[in-house]
Amino acid sequence: MATLTEIRWHGRGGQGSKTASILLGKVASKTGKNIQAFPEYGPERMGAPVLAFNRISENELTVHCQVTEPSIVVVLDPTLLEVVDVTEGVPEDGTIIVNTNKSPGKIKEKLDFAGEVFTVDANEISTYELGAPFPNTPMLGALIKATGILEFEDFKVQIKKEFEKKFASKPEVIEGNMNCIDRAYQEVRN
């Protein structure tokens, strides 16, 4: 992992961009990393475009501002590709991961992006595993596979602990979320 990894999450209100960034931050901190996880708030409402951010580092984090040059971008809603420049500030060797059933080649061409593009159908995975399209959890699995920012088995141990806290009385939700992560990790394409 680079000394500092910055991630920008693009989603719509209610899809879990903020939750995904916070979960990633909690898990990364449990593996000894220094982290920041925060959303960008404005007058957003359900369905409006929203942003969330992560910084993960081996070193102390001393910067406290919005992420403007992320090396990784995660897009939870493919319709945002029509209304937001998700490549803004991303270096030529950056990585973009999109929730879509389209091929990485089609998305790469659409974005006119030189870096790596990965796709995974997070909506299909979560609908099957959880009964509704909650793309944030599968996108975490895809992110780990596409970037290697954390070791997958360590990530799974720690995120399961977070799910057990959040869904203590709903073991089926814990299992469904873990299945989402495993499937997205296996099914992400580039």
N, C-alpha and C. Protein backbone atom coordinates (compact mmCIF):
# COMPACT_ATOMS: atom_id res chain seq x y z
N MET A 1 0.85 -1.18 0.00
CA MET A 1 0.00 0.00 0.00
C MET A 1 0.90 1.24 0.00
N ALA A 2 0.47 2.24 -0.71
CA ALA A 2 1.19 3.51 -0.73
C ALA A 2 1.19 4.12 0.67
N THR A 3 2.08 5.08 0.88
CA THR A 3 2.14 5.75 2.17
C THR A 3 0.78 6.32 2.55
N LEU A 4 0.10 6.90 1.56
CA LEU A 4 -1.23 7.46 1.77
C LEU A 4 -2.13 7.04 0.63
N THR A 5 -3.25 6.43 0.94
CA THR A 5 -4.25 6.07 -0.06
C THR A 5 -5.48 6.91 0.21
N GLU A 6 -5.94 7.61 -0.82
CA GLU A 6 -7.15 8.43 -0.70
C GLU A 6 -8.23 7.85 -1.61
N ILE A 7 -9.43 7.75 -1.06
CA ILE A 7 -10.57 7.14 -1.76
C ILE A 7 -11.73 8.12 -1.75
N ARG A 8 -12.40 8.22 -2.91
CA ARG A 8 -13.63 9.01 -3.00
C ARG A 8 -14.76 8.07 -3.39
N TRP A 9 -15.84 8.13 -2.63
CA TRP A 9 -17.04 7.33 -2.87
C TRP A 9 -18.11 8.22 -3.49
N HIS A 10 -18.69 7.77 -4.60
CA HIS A 10 -19.81 8.46 -5.23
C HIS A 10 -21.04 7.57 -5.10
N GLY A 11 -22.11 8.13 -4.58
CA GLY A 11 -23.36 7.38 -4.47
C GLY A 11 -24.52 8.34 -4.47
N ARG A 12 -25.66 7.80 -4.16
CA ARG A 12 -26.86 8.61 -3.98
C ARG A 12 -27.33 8.41 -2.55
N GLY A 13 -27.97 9.44 -2.00
CA GLY A 13 -28.45 9.36 -0.63
C GLY A 13 -29.25 8.09 -0.41
N GLY A 14 -28.90 7.32 0.60
CA GLY A 14 -29.60 6.09 0.92
C GLY A 14 -28.92 4.83 0.41
N GLN A 15 -27.87 4.97 -0.40
CA GLN A 15 -27.18 3.79 -0.93
C GLN A 15 -26.04 3.31 -0.03
N GLY A 16 -25.65 4.12 0.93
CA GLY A 16 -24.65 3.67 1.89
C GLY A 16 -23.21 4.08 1.62
N SER A 17 -23.00 5.15 0.86
CA SER A 17 -21.62 5.63 0.63
C SER A 17 -20.95 5.98 1.95
N LYS A 18 -21.66 6.73 2.77
CA LYS A 18 -21.11 7.14 4.07
C LYS A 18 -20.83 5.90 4.94
N THR A 19 -21.78 4.99 5.00
CA THR A 19 -21.62 3.78 5.80
C THR A 19 -20.43 2.97 5.32
N ALA A 20 -20.28 2.82 4.00
CA ALA A 20 -19.15 2.06 3.46
C ALA A 20 -17.82 2.70 3.84
N SER A 21 -17.74 4.02 3.73
CA SER A 21 -16.47 4.68 4.06
C SER A 21 -16.17 4.54 5.55
N ILE A 22 -17.18 4.63 6.38
CA ILE A 22 -16.97 4.48 7.82
C ILE A 22 -16.57 3.05 8.17
N LEU A 23 -17.25 2.06 7.58
CA LEU A 23 -16.88 0.67 7.82
C LEU A 23 -15.45 0.39 7.39
N LEU A 24 -15.08 0.88 6.20
CA LEU A 24 -13.72 0.69 5.73
C LEU A 24 -12.73 1.32 6.70
N GLY A 25 -13.04 2.51 7.17
CA GLY A 25 -12.17 3.18 8.12
C GLY A 25 -12.02 2.41 9.42
N LYS A 26 -13.13 1.92 9.96
CA LYS A 26 -13.07 1.15 11.20
C LYS A 26 -12.22 -0.11 11.03
N VAL A 27 -12.44 -0.82 9.93
CA VAL A 27 -11.70 -2.05 9.70
C VAL A 27 -10.22 -1.75 9.50
N ALA A 28 -9.91 -0.73 8.71
CA ALA A 28 -8.50 -0.38 8.48
C ALA A 28 -7.81 0.01 9.78
N SER A 29 -8.53 0.72 10.65
CA SER A 29 -7.92 1.12 11.93
C SER A 29 -7.63 -0.10 12.80
N LYS A 30 -8.48 -1.11 12.72
CA LYS A 30 -8.27 -2.34 13.50
C LYS A 30 -7.06 -3.12 13.01
N THR A 31 -6.65 -2.88 11.76
CA THR A 31 -5.47 -3.57 11.24
C THR A 31 -4.21 -2.73 11.41
N GLY A 32 -4.31 -1.64 12.20
CA GLY A 32 -3.14 -0.85 12.54
C GLY A 32 -2.90 0.37 11.66
N LYS A 33 -3.80 0.65 10.75
CA LYS A 33 -3.64 1.80 9.86
C LYS A 33 -4.18 3.06 10.52
N ASN A 34 -3.67 4.20 10.10
CA ASN A 34 -4.24 5.49 10.47
C ASN A 34 -5.31 5.79 9.43
N ILE A 35 -6.45 6.29 9.88
CA ILE A 35 -7.56 6.44 8.94
C ILE A 35 -8.30 7.76 9.14
N GLN A 36 -9.00 8.13 8.08
CA GLN A 36 -10.04 9.15 8.13
C GLN A 36 -11.19 8.61 7.28
N ALA A 37 -12.41 8.82 7.74
CA ALA A 37 -13.60 8.42 7.00
C ALA A 37 -14.66 9.48 7.26
N PHE A 38 -15.12 10.13 6.18
CA PHE A 38 -16.06 11.22 6.39
C PHE A 38 -16.88 11.47 5.14
N PRO A 39 -18.12 11.92 5.32
CA PRO A 39 -18.96 12.28 4.18
C PRO A 39 -18.86 13.77 3.89
N GLU A 40 -19.35 14.15 2.74
CA GLU A 40 -19.54 15.56 2.43
C GLU A 40 -21.03 15.82 2.50
N TYR A 41 -21.41 16.71 3.40
CA TYR A 41 -22.83 16.99 3.57
C TYR A 41 -23.20 18.35 3.01
N GLY A 42 -24.38 18.42 2.52
CA GLY A 42 -25.01 19.64 2.05
C GLY A 42 -26.50 19.42 2.21
N PRO A 43 -27.29 19.95 1.32
CA PRO A 43 -28.74 19.77 1.43
C PRO A 43 -29.22 18.45 0.82
N GLU A 44 -28.34 17.42 0.80
CA GLU A 44 -28.69 16.16 0.16
C GLU A 44 -29.91 15.51 0.79
N ARG A 45 -30.58 14.75 -0.03
CA ARG A 45 -31.73 13.98 0.43
C ARG A 45 -31.69 12.63 -0.27
N MET A 46 -32.58 11.77 0.08
CA MET A 46 -32.64 10.43 -0.50
C MET A 46 -32.61 10.54 -2.03
N GLY A 47 -31.65 9.86 -2.64
CA GLY A 47 -31.54 9.83 -4.10
C GLY A 47 -30.64 10.91 -4.70
N ALA A 48 -30.27 11.92 -3.93
CA ALA A 48 -29.39 12.98 -4.44
C ALA A 48 -27.94 12.48 -4.44
N PRO A 49 -27.11 12.96 -5.37
CA PRO A 49 -25.69 12.56 -5.37
C PRO A 49 -25.00 12.98 -4.06
N VAL A 50 -24.21 12.06 -3.50
CA VAL A 50 -23.47 12.33 -2.27
C VAL A 50 -22.03 11.83 -2.44
N LEU A 51 -21.16 12.36 -1.60
CA LEU A 51 -19.76 11.95 -1.59
C LEU A 51 -19.37 11.51 -0.19
N ALA A 52 -18.44 10.57 -0.14
CA ALA A 52 -17.80 10.18 1.11
C ALA A 52 -16.33 9.93 0.78
N PHE A 53 -15.50 9.96 1.81
CA PHE A 53 -14.05 9.90 1.58
C PHE A 53 -13.37 9.03 2.62
N ASN A 54 -12.23 8.47 2.22
CA ASN A 54 -11.33 7.77 3.14
C ASN A 54 -9.90 8.21 2.87
N ARG A 55 -9.15 8.25 3.94
CA ARG A 55 -7.69 8.31 3.87
C ARG A 55 -7.20 7.15 4.72
N ILE A 56 -6.26 6.39 4.18
CA ILE A 56 -5.68 5.26 4.90
C ILE A 56 -4.17 5.38 4.75
N SER A 57 -3.47 5.30 5.87
CA SER A 57 -2.03 5.50 5.83
C SER A 57 -1.32 4.70 6.92
N GLU A 58 -0.08 4.37 6.64
CA GLU A 58 0.80 3.79 7.65
C GLU A 58 1.27 4.88 8.60
N ASN A 59 1.29 6.11 8.12
CA ASN A 59 1.80 7.25 8.88
C ASN A 59 0.66 8.07 9.47
N GLU A 60 1.00 8.95 10.39
CA GLU A 60 0.02 9.85 10.98
C GLU A 60 -0.60 10.73 9.89
N LEU A 61 -1.89 10.91 9.96
CA LEU A 61 -2.59 11.78 9.00
C LEU A 61 -2.69 13.18 9.57
N THR A 62 -2.15 14.14 8.85
CA THR A 62 -2.15 15.51 9.34
C THR A 62 -2.99 16.44 8.47
N VAL A 63 -3.49 15.94 7.35
CA VAL A 63 -4.33 16.75 6.47
C VAL A 63 -5.80 16.52 6.84
N HIS A 64 -6.57 17.58 6.85
CA HIS A 64 -7.98 17.49 7.24
C HIS A 64 -8.83 18.31 6.28
N CYS A 65 -9.02 17.79 5.09
CA CYS A 65 -9.82 18.48 4.08
C CYS A 65 -10.41 17.43 3.15
N GLN A 66 -11.25 17.89 2.26
CA GLN A 66 -11.85 17.00 1.27
C GLN A 66 -10.76 16.34 0.42
N VAL A 67 -11.01 15.13 -0.02
CA VAL A 67 -10.10 14.42 -0.92
C VAL A 67 -10.34 14.94 -2.33
N THR A 68 -9.32 15.56 -2.93
CA THR A 68 -9.47 16.13 -4.28
C THR A 68 -8.70 15.36 -5.34
N GLU A 69 -7.74 14.55 -4.93
CA GLU A 69 -6.95 13.77 -5.87
C GLU A 69 -6.88 12.31 -5.41
N PRO A 70 -8.03 11.62 -5.44
CA PRO A 70 -8.06 10.24 -4.96
C PRO A 70 -7.35 9.29 -5.93
N SER A 71 -6.67 8.31 -5.38
CA SER A 71 -6.09 7.28 -6.23
C SER A 71 -7.12 6.20 -6.55
N ILE A 72 -8.20 6.19 -5.76
CA ILE A 72 -9.27 5.20 -5.94
C ILE A 72 -10.62 5.91 -5.88
N VAL A 73 -11.50 5.57 -6.81
CA VAL A 73 -12.88 6.07 -6.80
C VAL A 73 -13.81 4.87 -6.84
N VAL A 74 -14.82 4.88 -5.99
CA VAL A 74 -15.84 3.84 -5.96
C VAL A 74 -17.18 4.48 -6.30
N VAL A 75 -17.86 3.94 -7.31
CA VAL A 75 -19.13 4.50 -7.78
C VAL A 75 -20.24 3.49 -7.48
N LEU A 76 -21.12 3.85 -6.53
CA LEU A 76 -22.19 2.95 -6.13
C LEU A 76 -23.38 2.98 -7.08
N ASP A 77 -23.56 4.07 -7.81
CA ASP A 77 -24.71 4.20 -8.71
C ASP A 77 -24.22 4.55 -10.11
N PRO A 78 -24.38 3.64 -11.08
CA PRO A 78 -23.85 3.90 -12.42
C PRO A 78 -24.53 5.07 -13.13
N THR A 79 -25.71 5.50 -12.69
CA THR A 79 -26.35 6.66 -13.32
C THR A 79 -25.57 7.93 -13.04
N LEU A 80 -24.73 7.91 -12.01
CA LEU A 80 -23.90 9.08 -11.70
C LEU A 80 -22.86 9.34 -12.79
N LEU A 81 -22.53 8.33 -13.57
CA LEU A 81 -21.56 8.51 -14.65
C LEU A 81 -22.08 9.51 -15.69
N GLU A 82 -23.39 9.71 -15.72
CA GLU A 82 -24.01 10.65 -16.65
C GLU A 82 -24.03 12.08 -16.11
N VAL A 83 -23.91 12.24 -14.80
CA VAL A 83 -24.10 13.57 -14.20
C VAL A 83 -22.92 14.11 -13.39
N VAL A 84 -21.95 13.25 -13.08
CA VAL A 84 -20.81 13.64 -12.27
C VAL A 84 -19.53 13.17 -12.97
N ASP A 85 -18.51 14.00 -12.95
CA ASP A 85 -17.21 13.59 -13.49
C ASP A 85 -16.47 12.81 -12.41
N VAL A 86 -16.65 11.50 -12.41
CA VAL A 86 -16.05 10.66 -11.37
C VAL A 86 -14.54 10.54 -11.53
N THR A 87 -14.02 10.96 -12.70
CA THR A 87 -12.57 10.89 -12.93
C THR A 87 -11.84 12.15 -12.45
N GLU A 88 -12.59 13.15 -12.01
CA GLU A 88 -11.97 14.41 -11.61
C GLU A 88 -10.91 14.20 -10.53
N GLY A 89 -9.70 14.67 -10.81
CA GLY A 89 -8.61 14.60 -9.84
C GLY A 89 -7.93 13.25 -9.74
N VAL A 90 -8.42 12.23 -10.46
CA VAL A 90 -7.84 10.89 -10.37
C VAL A 90 -6.61 10.83 -11.30
N PRO A 91 -5.46 10.39 -10.79
CA PRO A 91 -4.28 10.30 -11.65
C PRO A 91 -4.44 9.24 -12.73
N GLU A 92 -3.60 9.32 -13.75
CA GLU A 92 -3.68 8.38 -14.87
C GLU A 92 -3.50 6.94 -14.45
N ASP A 93 -2.82 6.71 -13.34
CA ASP A 93 -2.63 5.34 -12.86
C ASP A 93 -3.61 4.99 -11.73
N GLY A 94 -4.69 5.78 -11.62
CA GLY A 94 -5.69 5.53 -10.58
C GLY A 94 -6.59 4.36 -10.90
N THR A 95 -7.50 4.10 -9.98
CA THR A 95 -8.43 2.97 -10.09
C THR A 95 -9.85 3.46 -9.87
N ILE A 96 -10.76 3.03 -10.75
CA ILE A 96 -12.17 3.33 -10.60
C ILE A 96 -12.94 2.02 -10.58
N ILE A 97 -13.82 1.87 -9.59
CA ILE A 97 -14.63 0.66 -9.42
C ILE A 97 -16.09 1.08 -9.50
N VAL A 98 -16.85 0.46 -10.43
CA VAL A 98 -18.22 0.88 -10.69
C VAL A 98 -19.17 -0.27 -10.48
N ASN A 99 -20.28 0.02 -9.81
CA ASN A 99 -21.38 -0.92 -9.64
C ASN A 99 -22.20 -0.91 -10.94
N THR A 100 -22.00 -1.92 -11.77
CA THR A 100 -22.73 -2.03 -13.03
C THR A 100 -22.61 -3.45 -13.56
N ASN A 101 -23.54 -3.80 -14.43
CA ASN A 101 -23.43 -5.10 -15.10
C ASN A 101 -22.67 -4.97 -16.41
N LYS A 102 -22.23 -3.76 -16.76
CA LYS A 102 -21.47 -3.54 -17.98
C LYS A 102 -20.02 -3.96 -17.79
N SER A 103 -19.36 -4.22 -18.90
CA SER A 103 -17.96 -4.65 -18.84
C SER A 103 -17.06 -3.48 -18.46
N PRO A 104 -15.92 -3.77 -17.86
CA PRO A 104 -14.96 -2.72 -17.55
C PRO A 104 -14.53 -1.95 -18.80
N GLY A 105 -14.41 -2.64 -19.94
CA GLY A 105 -14.02 -1.99 -21.18
C GLY A 105 -15.01 -0.92 -21.61
N LYS A 106 -16.29 -1.23 -21.49
CA LYS A 106 -17.32 -0.25 -21.86
C LYS A 106 -17.28 0.97 -20.95
N ILE A 107 -17.10 0.74 -19.66
CA ILE A 107 -17.04 1.86 -18.71
C ILE A 107 -15.77 2.67 -18.93
N LYS A 108 -14.67 2.00 -19.15
CA LYS A 108 -13.39 2.69 -19.39
C LYS A 108 -13.51 3.60 -20.62
N GLU A 109 -14.14 3.08 -21.67
CA GLU A 109 -14.34 3.86 -22.89
C GLU A 109 -15.25 5.05 -22.63
N LYS A 110 -16.33 4.81 -21.90
CA LYS A 110 -17.28 5.89 -21.58
C LYS A 110 -16.59 7.01 -20.79
N LEU A 111 -15.76 6.61 -19.84
CA LEU A 111 -15.08 7.59 -18.99
C LEU A 111 -13.86 8.22 -19.67
N ASP A 112 -13.38 7.59 -20.74
CA ASP A 112 -12.15 8.03 -21.39
C ASP A 112 -11.05 8.17 -20.34
N PHE A 113 -10.82 7.07 -19.63
CA PHE A 113 -9.93 7.04 -18.48
C PHE A 113 -8.77 6.09 -18.75
N ALA A 114 -7.55 6.53 -18.49
CA ALA A 114 -6.36 5.74 -18.79
C ALA A 114 -6.04 4.70 -17.71
N GLY A 115 -6.53 4.90 -16.51
CA GLY A 115 -6.20 4.00 -15.41
C GLY A 115 -6.99 2.70 -15.45
N GLU A 116 -6.98 2.00 -14.33
CA GLU A 116 -7.70 0.73 -14.23
C GLU A 116 -9.17 0.96 -13.92
N VAL A 117 -10.02 0.18 -14.58
CA VAL A 117 -11.46 0.23 -14.32
C VAL A 117 -11.92 -1.18 -13.99
N PHE A 118 -12.66 -1.29 -12.90
CA PHE A 118 -13.25 -2.56 -12.46
C PHE A 118 -14.75 -2.39 -12.39
N THR A 119 -15.48 -3.47 -12.67
CA THR A 119 -16.93 -3.43 -12.52
C THR A 119 -17.39 -4.68 -11.77
N VAL A 120 -18.50 -4.50 -11.08
CA VAL A 120 -19.16 -5.61 -10.39
C VAL A 120 -20.64 -5.25 -10.28
N ASP A 121 -21.50 -6.23 -10.42
CA ASP A 121 -22.95 -5.96 -10.32
C ASP A 121 -23.37 -6.08 -8.86
N ALA A 122 -23.06 -5.03 -8.10
CA ALA A 122 -23.34 -5.02 -6.66
C ALA A 122 -24.84 -5.02 -6.38
N ASN A 123 -25.63 -4.42 -7.24
CA ASN A 123 -27.08 -4.44 -7.03
C ASN A 123 -27.62 -5.85 -7.14
N GLU A 124 -27.17 -6.60 -8.12
CA GLU A 124 -27.64 -7.98 -8.30
C GLU A 124 -27.20 -8.83 -7.11
N ILE A 125 -25.95 -8.68 -6.71
CA ILE A 125 -25.43 -9.46 -5.58
C ILE A 125 -26.23 -9.18 -4.31
N SER A 126 -26.41 -7.91 -3.98
CA SER A 126 -27.10 -7.57 -2.73
C SER A 126 -28.59 -7.91 -2.79
N THR A 127 -29.20 -7.78 -3.96
CA THR A 127 -30.61 -8.16 -4.07
C THR A 127 -30.76 -9.66 -3.80
N TYR A 128 -29.86 -10.45 -4.33
CA TYR A 128 -29.91 -11.90 -4.11
C TYR A 128 -29.61 -12.24 -2.65
N GLU A 129 -28.58 -11.65 -2.09
CA GLU A 129 -28.12 -12.03 -0.74
C GLU A 129 -28.89 -11.35 0.39
N LEU A 130 -29.40 -10.11 0.14
CA LEU A 130 -30.06 -9.35 1.21
C LEU A 130 -31.53 -9.03 0.92
N GLY A 131 -31.96 -9.30 -0.31
CA GLY A 131 -33.36 -9.06 -0.66
C GLY A 131 -33.65 -7.66 -1.16
N ALA A 132 -32.62 -6.81 -1.28
CA ALA A 132 -32.80 -5.44 -1.77
C ALA A 132 -31.45 -4.93 -2.28
N PRO A 133 -31.49 -3.94 -3.18
CA PRO A 133 -30.23 -3.43 -3.73
C PRO A 133 -29.51 -2.47 -2.77
N PHE A 134 -28.63 -3.01 -1.95
CA PHE A 134 -27.77 -2.24 -1.07
C PHE A 134 -26.34 -2.41 -1.58
N PRO A 135 -25.88 -1.54 -2.49
CA PRO A 135 -24.60 -1.78 -3.16
C PRO A 135 -23.36 -1.55 -2.31
N ASN A 136 -23.48 -0.89 -1.16
CA ASN A 136 -22.28 -0.52 -0.42
C ASN A 136 -21.46 -1.71 0.07
N THR A 137 -22.11 -2.71 0.62
CA THR A 137 -21.36 -3.85 1.16
C THR A 137 -20.63 -4.63 0.07
N PRO A 138 -21.31 -4.99 -1.04
CA PRO A 138 -20.55 -5.68 -2.08
C PRO A 138 -19.41 -4.82 -2.65
N MET A 139 -19.61 -3.52 -2.71
CA MET A 139 -18.55 -2.67 -3.25
C MET A 139 -17.31 -2.68 -2.36
N LEU A 140 -17.48 -2.93 -1.07
CA LEU A 140 -16.32 -3.09 -0.20
C LEU A 140 -15.50 -4.31 -0.60
N GLY A 141 -16.18 -5.42 -0.88
CA GLY A 141 -15.47 -6.62 -1.34
C GLY A 141 -14.74 -6.38 -2.65
N ALA A 142 -15.41 -5.69 -3.58
CA ALA A 142 -14.80 -5.38 -4.87
C ALA A 142 -13.59 -4.46 -4.69
N LEU A 143 -13.71 -3.49 -3.80
CA LEU A 143 -12.61 -2.56 -3.53
C LEU A 143 -11.38 -3.29 -3.01
N ILE A 144 -11.57 -4.20 -2.07
CA ILE A 144 -10.44 -4.94 -1.50
C ILE A 144 -9.75 -5.77 -2.59
N LYS A 145 -10.54 -6.44 -3.43
CA LYS A 145 -9.96 -7.26 -4.50
C LYS A 145 -9.24 -6.39 -5.53
N ALA A 146 -9.86 -5.30 -5.95
CA ALA A 146 -9.30 -4.47 -7.01
C ALA A 146 -8.03 -3.75 -6.59
N THR A 147 -7.92 -3.42 -5.32
CA THR A 147 -6.82 -2.56 -4.88
C THR A 147 -5.82 -3.24 -3.95
N GLY A 148 -6.26 -4.25 -3.22
CA GLY A 148 -5.37 -4.88 -2.25
C GLY A 148 -4.99 -3.97 -1.09
N ILE A 149 -5.81 -2.95 -0.80
CA ILE A 149 -5.44 -2.01 0.26
C ILE A 149 -5.42 -2.65 1.64
N LEU A 150 -6.16 -3.74 1.79
CA LEU A 150 -6.12 -4.52 3.03
C LEU A 150 -6.08 -5.99 2.65
N GLU A 151 -5.53 -6.81 3.52
CA GLU A 151 -5.51 -8.25 3.29
C GLU A 151 -6.94 -8.77 3.49
N PHE A 152 -7.43 -9.54 2.53
CA PHE A 152 -8.84 -9.91 2.49
C PHE A 152 -9.30 -10.67 3.73
N GLU A 153 -8.54 -11.64 4.17
CA GLU A 153 -8.98 -12.44 5.33
C GLU A 153 -9.02 -11.58 6.60
N ASP A 154 -8.05 -10.71 6.78
CA ASP A 154 -8.07 -9.78 7.92
C ASP A 154 -9.29 -8.86 7.83
N PHE A 155 -9.54 -8.36 6.63
CA PHE A 155 -10.69 -7.49 6.39
C PHE A 155 -11.98 -8.21 6.78
N LYS A 156 -12.14 -9.46 6.35
CA LYS A 156 -13.37 -10.21 6.64
C LYS A 156 -13.56 -10.42 8.14
N VAL A 157 -12.50 -10.74 8.84
CA VAL A 157 -12.59 -10.95 10.30
C VAL A 157 -13.08 -9.67 10.97
N GLN A 158 -12.47 -8.55 10.61
CA GLN A 158 -12.82 -7.29 11.26
C GLN A 158 -14.19 -6.77 10.86
N ILE A 159 -14.56 -6.91 9.59
CA ILE A 159 -15.86 -6.38 9.18
C ILE A 159 -16.99 -7.23 9.76
N LYS A 160 -16.75 -8.51 9.91
CA LYS A 160 -17.76 -9.35 10.54
C LYS A 160 -18.02 -8.89 11.97
N LYS A 161 -16.97 -8.51 12.68
CA LYS A 161 -17.14 -7.98 14.04
C LYS A 161 -17.98 -6.70 14.03
N GLU A 162 -17.77 -5.84 13.02
CA GLU A 162 -18.58 -4.62 12.91
C GLU A 162 -20.04 -4.96 12.63
N PHE A 163 -20.28 -5.92 11.74
CA PHE A 163 -21.66 -6.35 11.45
C PHE A 163 -22.31 -6.97 12.68
N GLU A 164 -21.53 -7.73 13.46
CA GLU A 164 -22.09 -8.35 14.66
C GLU A 164 -22.51 -7.31 15.68
N LYS A 165 -21.80 -6.19 15.74
CA LYS A 165 -22.22 -5.09 16.63
C LYS A 165 -23.50 -4.44 16.12
N LYS A 166 -23.53 -4.17 14.83
CA LYS A 166 -24.64 -3.43 14.23
C LYS A 166 -25.91 -4.27 14.11
N PHE A 167 -25.75 -5.55 13.79
CA PHE A 167 -26.91 -6.42 13.53
C PHE A 167 -26.94 -7.60 14.50
N ALA A 168 -26.68 -7.35 15.77
CA ALA A 168 -26.57 -8.41 16.77
C ALA A 168 -27.79 -9.33 16.80
N SER A 169 -28.97 -8.78 16.60
CA SER A 169 -30.18 -9.59 16.68
C SER A 169 -30.64 -10.09 15.30
N LYS A 170 -29.82 -9.90 14.28
CA LYS A 170 -30.19 -10.30 12.92
C LYS A 170 -29.06 -11.09 12.26
N PRO A 171 -28.87 -12.34 12.68
CA PRO A 171 -27.76 -13.12 12.12
C PRO A 171 -27.88 -13.32 10.61
N GLU A 172 -29.09 -13.31 10.08
CA GLU A 172 -29.27 -13.47 8.64
C GLU A 172 -28.73 -12.26 7.87
N VAL A 173 -28.78 -11.08 8.48
CA VAL A 173 -28.24 -9.87 7.84
C VAL A 173 -26.71 -9.92 7.86
N ILE A 174 -26.15 -10.41 8.95
CA ILE A 174 -24.69 -10.56 9.03
C ILE A 174 -24.23 -11.53 7.95
N GLU A 175 -24.88 -12.68 7.87
CA GLU A 175 -24.52 -13.68 6.87
C GLU A 175 -24.69 -13.14 5.45
N GLY A 176 -25.80 -12.44 5.20
CA GLY A 176 -26.05 -11.87 3.87
C GLY A 176 -24.99 -10.87 3.48
N ASN A 177 -24.59 -10.01 4.41
CA ASN A 177 -23.55 -9.02 4.12
C ASN A 177 -22.20 -9.69 3.87
N MET A 178 -21.88 -10.70 4.64
CA MET A 178 -20.62 -11.42 4.42
C MET A 178 -20.64 -12.12 3.07
N ASN A 179 -21.79 -12.68 2.69
CA ASN A 179 -21.91 -13.30 1.37
C ASN A 179 -21.73 -12.27 0.26
N CYS A 180 -22.27 -11.06 0.47
CA CYS A 180 -22.11 -9.98 -0.51
C CYS A 180 -20.63 -9.66 -0.72
N ILE A 181 -19.91 -9.55 0.36
CA ILE A 181 -18.47 -9.23 0.28
C ILE A 181 -17.72 -10.34 -0.44
N ASP A 182 -17.99 -11.59 -0.07
CA ASP A 182 -17.30 -12.72 -0.71
C ASP A 182 -17.60 -12.78 -2.21
N ARG A 183 -18.88 -12.63 -2.55
CA ARG A 183 -19.25 -12.72 -3.97
C ARG A 183 -18.64 -11.59 -4.78
N ALA A 184 -18.71 -10.36 -4.28
CA ALA A 184 -18.15 -9.23 -5.02
C ALA A 184 -16.64 -9.39 -5.17
N TYR A 185 -15.99 -9.88 -4.15
CA TYR A 185 -14.55 -10.13 -4.21
C TYR A 185 -14.23 -11.11 -5.35
N GLN A 186 -15.07 -12.13 -5.50
CA GLN A 186 -14.87 -13.13 -6.55
C GLN A 186 -15.32 -12.65 -7.93
N GLU A 187 -16.37 -11.83 -7.98
CA GLU A 187 -17.00 -11.48 -9.25
C GLU A 187 -16.54 -10.17 -9.88
N VAL A 188 -15.78 -9.35 -9.17
CA VAL A 188 -15.32 -8.08 -9.73
C VAL A 188 -14.43 -8.38 -10.96
N ARG A 189 -14.61 -7.56 -12.00
CA ARG A 189 -13.89 -7.78 -13.27
C ARG A 189 -13.07 -6.53 -13.63
N ASN A 190 -11.97 -6.78 -14.37
CA ASN A 190 -11.22 -5.65 -14.95
C ASN A 190 -10.71 -5.99 -16.32
